[in-house]
Amino acid sequence: MNHAEKPMSDSVNQARAFEVLTATPIRTRRTPRDWPDAEKTRLIAETMLPGANVSAIARAEGLDPSQLYGWRRKALASGSVVPLSKEANERVSFARRSCCKFTGGDRHG
């Protein structure tokens, strides 16, 4: 008897029940938010305070830390936030320029 002539196994012919499992995502994607320039400026200034934890500040505001780091980088690069002059061996701190408005550059961030 060859393989084509063998009868199917009884376990294959029996009815089977299936359970469908559903789950909700653990972390949902945040909806892009249009942050006002004044709010971005406030958050960036807060990150410049001595001992500030950028990630903690971002999370407290419901913001992804990488976004706040990005805003901060753009502010430093644009000159809207500048380091204060210090001696080479002293710790550098930062001050926000009051004459300039931060323009984030990206609409959703």
Protein backbone atom coordinates (compact mmCIF):
# COMPACT_ATOMS: atom_id res chain seq x y z
CA MET A 1 0.00 0.00 0.00
CA ASN A 2 1.54 3.34 -1.02
CA HIS A 3 1.14 6.66 0.65
CA ALA A 4 -1.82 7.76 -1.54
CA GLU A 5 -3.81 4.65 -0.65
CA LYS A 6 -3.40 4.96 3.16
CA PRO A 7 -6.51 6.14 5.01
CA MET A 8 -6.26 9.44 6.87
CA SER A 9 -5.61 9.34 10.56
CA ASP A 10 -8.70 9.60 12.78
CA SER A 11 -7.24 12.62 14.60
CA VAL A 12 -7.17 14.62 11.35
CA ASN A 13 -10.84 13.96 10.62
CA GLN A 14 -12.13 14.99 14.06
CA ALA A 15 -13.73 18.39 14.69
CA ARG A 16 -11.50 20.85 16.51
CA ALA A 17 -12.22 23.91 18.62
CA PHE A 18 -10.08 27.03 18.43
CA GLU A 19 -9.80 29.83 20.90
CA VAL A 20 -9.06 33.25 19.46
CA LEU A 21 -6.94 35.38 21.76
CA THR A 22 -7.13 39.14 21.53
CA ALA A 23 -4.99 41.70 23.27
CA THR A 24 -4.68 45.42 23.45
CA PRO A 25 -1.28 46.99 22.82
CA ILE A 26 0.72 47.69 25.95
CA ARG A 27 1.82 51.09 24.69
CA THR A 28 -0.27 53.07 22.28
CA ARG A 29 1.30 55.54 19.88
CA ARG A 30 1.00 59.12 21.02
CA THR A 31 -0.98 61.47 18.84
CA PRO A 32 1.26 64.21 17.44
CA ARG A 33 0.78 67.40 19.40
CA ASP A 34 1.47 70.92 18.23
CA TRP A 35 3.49 72.45 21.07
CA PRO A 36 3.37 76.27 21.35
CA ASP A 37 6.76 78.01 21.16
CA ALA A 38 6.28 79.41 24.67
CA GLU A 39 5.80 75.88 26.04
CA LYS A 40 8.88 74.59 24.19
CA THR A 41 10.91 77.51 25.54
CA ARG A 42 9.72 76.85 29.09
CA LEU A 43 10.65 73.16 28.86
CA ILE A 44 14.04 73.86 27.30
CA ALA A 45 14.81 76.42 30.01
CA GLU A 46 13.83 73.88 32.66
CA THR A 47 16.30 71.35 31.20
CA MET A 48 19.10 73.90 31.53
CA LEU A 49 18.74 74.22 35.30
CA PRO A 50 21.57 72.64 37.36
CA GLY A 51 20.81 68.99 38.11
CA ALA A 52 17.85 68.86 35.69
CA ASN A 53 16.88 65.43 34.37
CA VAL A 54 15.75 65.94 30.76
CA SER A 55 14.06 62.54 30.52
CA ALA A 56 12.11 63.05 33.75
CA ILE A 57 10.99 66.53 32.64
CA ALA A 58 9.84 65.18 29.27
CA ARG A 59 7.91 62.26 30.76
CA ALA A 60 6.24 64.51 33.33
CA GLU A 61 4.88 66.58 30.42
CA GLY A 62 3.76 63.52 28.42
CA LEU A 63 6.55 64.09 25.91
CA ASP A 64 9.01 61.58 24.50
CA PRO A 65 12.48 62.39 25.91
CA SER A 66 14.06 62.25 22.45
CA GLN A 67 11.76 65.06 21.31
CA LEU A 68 12.81 67.33 24.17
CA TYR A 69 16.48 66.52 23.52
CA GLY A 70 15.86 67.45 19.86
CA TRP A 71 14.28 70.79 20.77
CA ARG A 72 17.17 71.48 23.10
CA ARG A 73 19.76 70.64 20.41
CA LYS A 74 17.99 72.93 17.91
CA ALA A 75 17.83 75.76 20.46
CA LEU A 76 21.56 75.44 21.20
CA ALA A 77 22.46 75.24 17.50
CA SER A 78 20.27 78.25 16.61
CA GLY A 79 21.76 80.39 19.35
CA SER A 80 18.44 80.96 21.11
CA VAL A 81 20.04 79.25 24.13
CA VAL A 82 23.71 79.97 24.77
CA PRO A 83 26.24 78.77 27.33
CA LEU A 84 27.38 81.33 29.88
CA SER A 85 31.08 82.22 29.79
CA LYS A 86 33.10 80.28 32.35
CA GLU A 87 36.73 79.42 32.93
CA ALA A 88 37.86 76.22 31.19
CA ASN A 89 38.05 74.27 34.45
CA GLU A 90 34.64 75.39 35.76
CA ARG A 91 31.30 73.76 35.11
CA VAL A 92 29.40 75.32 32.20
CA SER A 93 25.80 76.42 32.76
CA PHE A 94 23.30 77.78 30.27
CA ALA A 95 21.06 80.84 30.05
CA ARG A 96 18.11 81.53 27.78
CA ARG A 97 18.37 84.67 25.68
CA SER A 98 15.42 86.90 26.40
CA CYS A 99 15.71 88.68 23.06
CA CYS A 100 15.10 85.64 20.87
CA LYS A 101 12.10 83.44 20.15
CA PHE A 102 12.64 79.70 19.75
CA THR A 103 11.40 78.39 16.46
CA GLY A 104 11.29 74.61 16.65
CA GLY A 105 11.37 74.02 12.93
CA ASP A 106 9.09 70.98 12.91
CA ARG A 107 5.33 71.34 12.93
CA HIS A 108 4.50 68.26 15.03
CA GLY A 109 7.28 68.31 17.55
